[in-house]
Amino acid sequence: MTTKVDHNYPHAGDLRVVNALAEPIEDVEIRIFTLADFLANRTTTWIAATTSDVNGEWVDPVFLDDGQTYVVHMQKKTMYGPAHVEITT
């Protein structure tokens, strides 16, 4: 089974990309890694990716295997991040 993950996972707006003033940030690279790969610094290959739109929302959802722990890594060079959040599906 898989779980749909986007800016509304696990609750509305939880993974929306915003700055410290809660203003949305567009064109942020969002990459998903397994927790094990991220902790081992294996970040040249990711398992899913998308970007943020003008509202800071994900352009496309990703579908991840249930019962796993992932890292959502967000970065826009010179403007945002890098920031990351651990999620479990």
N, C-alpha and C. Protein backbone atom coordinates (compact mmCIF):
# COMPACT_ATOMS: atom_id res chain seq x y z
N MET A 1 0.83 -1.18 0.00
CA MET A 1 0.00 0.00 0.00
C MET A 1 0.89 1.25 0.00
N THR A 2 0.33 2.32 -0.50
CA THR A 2 1.05 3.60 -0.53
C THR A 2 0.20 4.69 0.11
N THR A 3 0.87 5.76 0.49
CA THR A 3 0.21 6.92 1.08
C THR A 3 0.52 8.14 0.22
N LYS A 4 -0.50 8.93 -0.06
CA LYS A 4 -0.32 10.17 -0.78
C LYS A 4 0.26 11.21 0.18
N VAL A 5 1.38 11.81 -0.23
CA VAL A 5 2.02 12.84 0.59
C VAL A 5 2.13 14.11 -0.25
N ASP A 6 1.67 15.21 0.33
CA ASP A 6 1.82 16.53 -0.29
C ASP A 6 1.85 17.56 0.83
N HIS A 7 1.59 18.82 0.50
CA HIS A 7 1.65 19.90 1.48
C HIS A 7 0.63 19.73 2.61
N ASN A 8 -0.35 18.86 2.42
CA ASN A 8 -1.38 18.63 3.44
C ASN A 8 -1.15 17.35 4.25
N TYR A 9 0.07 16.84 4.26
CA TYR A 9 0.36 15.61 5.02
C TYR A 9 1.06 15.96 6.31
N PRO A 10 0.70 15.39 7.42
CA PRO A 10 -0.48 14.56 7.64
C PRO A 10 -1.75 15.38 7.87
N HIS A 11 -1.59 16.70 8.09
CA HIS A 11 -2.75 17.58 8.29
C HIS A 11 -2.65 18.77 7.33
N ALA A 12 -3.74 19.42 7.11
CA ALA A 12 -3.81 20.56 6.17
C ALA A 12 -2.69 21.57 6.42
N GLY A 13 -1.87 21.78 5.40
CA GLY A 13 -0.82 22.80 5.44
C GLY A 13 0.45 22.43 6.18
N ASP A 14 0.54 21.21 6.73
CA ASP A 14 1.72 20.84 7.53
C ASP A 14 3.03 20.92 6.75
N LEU A 15 3.04 20.57 5.47
CA LEU A 15 4.28 20.57 4.69
C LEU A 15 4.30 21.67 3.63
N ARG A 16 3.48 22.68 3.83
CA ARG A 16 3.48 23.85 2.94
C ARG A 16 4.80 24.60 3.16
N VAL A 17 5.36 25.16 2.10
CA VAL A 17 6.66 25.84 2.18
C VAL A 17 6.43 27.33 2.39
N VAL A 18 6.79 27.79 3.59
CA VAL A 18 6.61 29.20 3.95
C VAL A 18 7.87 29.70 4.68
N ASN A 19 8.05 31.02 4.66
CA ASN A 19 9.19 31.61 5.38
C ASN A 19 8.79 31.87 6.84
N ALA A 20 9.67 32.52 7.57
CA ALA A 20 9.44 32.79 8.99
C ALA A 20 8.20 33.66 9.24
N LEU A 21 7.78 34.42 8.23
CA LEU A 21 6.59 35.27 8.35
C LEU A 21 5.34 34.57 7.84
N ALA A 22 5.45 33.26 7.56
CA ALA A 22 4.35 32.44 7.03
C ALA A 22 3.95 32.82 5.62
N GLU A 23 4.87 33.45 4.88
CA GLU A 23 4.62 33.80 3.47
C GLU A 23 5.08 32.64 2.60
N PRO A 24 4.27 32.27 1.59
CA PRO A 24 4.62 31.14 0.74
C PRO A 24 5.88 31.42 -0.09
N ILE A 25 6.60 30.33 -0.39
CA ILE A 25 7.80 30.44 -1.22
C ILE A 25 7.62 29.54 -2.44
N GLU A 26 7.80 30.12 -3.62
CA GLU A 26 7.63 29.41 -4.89
C GLU A 26 8.95 28.81 -5.35
N ASP A 27 8.85 27.72 -6.11
CA ASP A 27 10.00 27.06 -6.76
C ASP A 27 11.01 26.46 -5.80
N VAL A 28 10.57 26.05 -4.65
CA VAL A 28 11.45 25.34 -3.72
C VAL A 28 11.54 23.89 -4.18
N GLU A 29 12.75 23.34 -4.23
CA GLU A 29 12.95 21.94 -4.58
C GLU A 29 12.59 21.08 -3.37
N ILE A 30 11.70 20.14 -3.57
CA ILE A 30 11.27 19.23 -2.51
C ILE A 30 11.69 17.83 -2.93
N ARG A 31 12.54 17.21 -2.12
CA ARG A 31 13.04 15.87 -2.43
C ARG A 31 12.78 14.96 -1.25
N ILE A 32 12.41 13.73 -1.55
CA ILE A 32 12.10 12.75 -0.53
C ILE A 32 13.18 11.67 -0.51
N PHE A 33 13.71 11.39 0.68
CA PHE A 33 14.72 10.37 0.88
C PHE A 33 14.22 9.39 1.94
N THR A 34 14.72 8.15 1.91
CA THR A 34 14.47 7.29 3.06
C THR A 34 15.28 7.86 4.21
N LEU A 35 14.83 7.62 5.42
CA LEU A 35 15.56 8.13 6.59
C LEU A 35 16.97 7.55 6.62
N ALA A 36 17.11 6.26 6.34
CA ALA A 36 18.43 5.62 6.37
C ALA A 36 19.39 6.28 5.38
N ASP A 37 18.93 6.52 4.16
CA ASP A 37 19.79 7.17 3.16
C ASP A 37 20.17 8.58 3.59
N PHE A 38 19.22 9.32 4.10
CA PHE A 38 19.50 10.70 4.51
C PHE A 38 20.51 10.74 5.65
N LEU A 39 20.34 9.88 6.64
CA LEU A 39 21.26 9.85 7.77
C LEU A 39 22.66 9.40 7.36
N ALA A 40 22.75 8.60 6.29
CA ALA A 40 24.04 8.13 5.78
C ALA A 40 24.62 9.11 4.76
N ASN A 41 23.96 10.26 4.60
CA ASN A 41 24.39 11.30 3.66
C ASN A 41 24.39 10.82 2.20
N ARG A 42 23.49 9.89 1.89
CA ARG A 42 23.32 9.44 0.50
C ARG A 42 22.20 10.27 -0.11
N THR A 43 22.54 11.48 -0.55
CA THR A 43 21.53 12.43 -1.01
C THR A 43 21.67 12.81 -2.48
N THR A 44 22.44 12.03 -3.23
CA THR A 44 22.55 12.33 -4.66
C THR A 44 21.42 11.68 -5.45
N THR A 45 20.74 10.72 -4.84
CA THR A 45 19.59 10.08 -5.47
C THR A 45 18.43 10.08 -4.48
N TRP A 46 17.29 10.55 -4.92
CA TRP A 46 16.10 10.62 -4.07
C TRP A 46 15.04 9.71 -4.64
N ILE A 47 14.00 9.43 -3.83
CA ILE A 47 12.96 8.50 -4.31
C ILE A 47 11.75 9.22 -4.89
N ALA A 48 11.63 10.51 -4.63
CA ALA A 48 10.54 11.30 -5.21
C ALA A 48 10.93 12.78 -5.13
N ALA A 49 10.34 13.58 -6.01
CA ALA A 49 10.65 15.01 -6.01
C ALA A 49 9.49 15.80 -6.62
N THR A 50 9.38 17.04 -6.18
CA THR A 50 8.44 17.99 -6.75
C THR A 50 8.95 19.39 -6.42
N THR A 51 8.16 20.40 -6.69
CA THR A 51 8.50 21.78 -6.35
C THR A 51 7.28 22.44 -5.71
N SER A 52 7.48 23.64 -5.19
CA SER A 52 6.35 24.37 -4.60
C SER A 52 5.83 25.41 -5.60
N ASP A 53 4.55 25.71 -5.49
CA ASP A 53 3.93 26.71 -6.36
C ASP A 53 3.87 28.07 -5.65
N VAL A 54 3.18 29.03 -6.24
CA VAL A 54 3.11 30.38 -5.67
C VAL A 54 2.48 30.44 -4.29
N ASN A 55 1.72 29.40 -3.94
CA ASN A 55 1.09 29.33 -2.62
C ASN A 55 1.92 28.53 -1.61
N GLY A 56 3.12 28.09 -2.04
CA GLY A 56 3.94 27.25 -1.17
C GLY A 56 3.46 25.82 -1.09
N GLU A 57 2.52 25.47 -1.96
CA GLU A 57 1.97 24.12 -1.99
C GLU A 57 2.72 23.27 -3.00
N TRP A 58 2.74 21.97 -2.79
CA TRP A 58 3.44 21.07 -3.69
C TRP A 58 2.74 21.04 -5.04
N VAL A 59 3.51 21.12 -6.11
CA VAL A 59 2.95 21.06 -7.46
C VAL A 59 2.34 19.68 -7.72
N ASP A 60 3.03 18.64 -7.29
CA ASP A 60 2.56 17.26 -7.46
C ASP A 60 2.67 16.50 -6.14
N PRO A 61 1.72 15.63 -5.85
CA PRO A 61 1.87 14.77 -4.69
C PRO A 61 2.86 13.66 -5.00
N VAL A 62 3.35 13.00 -3.97
CA VAL A 62 4.18 11.81 -4.13
C VAL A 62 3.47 10.67 -3.41
N PHE A 63 3.74 9.46 -3.84
CA PHE A 63 3.11 8.28 -3.23
C PHE A 63 4.21 7.42 -2.64
N LEU A 64 4.18 7.26 -1.31
CA LEU A 64 5.24 6.58 -0.59
C LEU A 64 4.71 5.31 0.08
N ASP A 65 5.58 4.31 0.19
CA ASP A 65 5.21 3.05 0.83
C ASP A 65 4.77 3.29 2.26
N ASP A 66 3.72 2.59 2.67
CA ASP A 66 3.21 2.69 4.03
C ASP A 66 4.20 2.10 5.03
N GLY A 67 4.16 2.62 6.26
CA GLY A 67 4.94 2.06 7.35
C GLY A 67 6.43 2.35 7.29
N GLN A 68 6.82 3.36 6.55
CA GLN A 68 8.23 3.71 6.41
C GLN A 68 8.47 5.13 6.92
N THR A 69 9.72 5.43 7.25
CA THR A 69 10.09 6.78 7.67
C THR A 69 10.92 7.42 6.58
N TYR A 70 10.56 8.65 6.24
CA TYR A 70 11.19 9.39 5.16
C TYR A 70 11.64 10.76 5.65
N VAL A 71 12.48 11.38 4.87
CA VAL A 71 12.88 12.76 5.11
C VAL A 71 12.41 13.59 3.93
N VAL A 72 11.67 14.65 4.21
CA VAL A 72 11.26 15.62 3.19
C VAL A 72 12.27 16.77 3.29
N HIS A 73 13.05 16.93 2.23
CA HIS A 73 14.12 17.95 2.20
C HIS A 73 13.67 19.07 1.26
N MET A 74 13.72 20.31 1.75
CA MET A 74 13.26 21.46 0.97
C MET A 74 14.37 22.51 0.90
N GLN A 75 14.60 22.99 -0.33
CA GLN A 75 15.66 24.00 -0.49
C GLN A 75 15.45 24.80 -1.77
N LYS A 76 15.70 26.09 -1.65
CA LYS A 76 15.78 26.98 -2.80
C LYS A 76 17.07 27.76 -2.59
N LYS A 77 18.05 27.50 -3.43
CA LYS A 77 19.37 28.10 -3.27
C LYS A 77 19.28 29.59 -2.99
N THR A 78 19.99 30.03 -2.00
CA THR A 78 20.12 31.42 -1.55
C THR A 78 18.82 32.03 -1.03
N MET A 79 17.73 31.26 -0.98
CA MET A 79 16.46 31.85 -0.56
C MET A 79 15.76 31.11 0.57
N TYR A 80 15.86 29.79 0.58
CA TYR A 80 15.14 29.01 1.59
C TYR A 80 15.89 27.72 1.87
N GLY A 81 16.03 27.43 3.14
CA GLY A 81 16.60 26.17 3.56
C GLY A 81 18.10 26.12 3.43
N PRO A 82 18.65 24.94 3.46
CA PRO A 82 17.89 23.69 3.44
C PRO A 82 17.18 23.43 4.76
N ALA A 83 16.01 22.83 4.63
CA ALA A 83 15.22 22.43 5.78
C ALA A 83 14.74 21.02 5.52
N HIS A 84 14.56 20.25 6.58
CA HIS A 84 14.02 18.91 6.38
C HIS A 84 13.13 18.53 7.55
N VAL A 85 12.21 17.62 7.22
CA VAL A 85 11.23 17.13 8.18
C VAL A 85 11.14 15.61 8.03
N GLU A 86 11.15 14.91 9.15
CA GLU A 86 10.93 13.46 9.12
C GLU A 86 9.43 13.19 9.14
N ILE A 87 9.00 12.26 8.30
CA ILE A 87 7.60 11.83 8.30
C ILE A 87 7.55 10.31 8.30
N THR A 88 6.50 9.76 8.85
CA THR A 88 6.26 8.32 8.80
C THR A 88 4.90 8.11 8.19
N THR A 89 4.85 7.22 7.21
CA THR A 89 3.60 6.97 6.50
C THR A 89 2.84 5.83 7.14
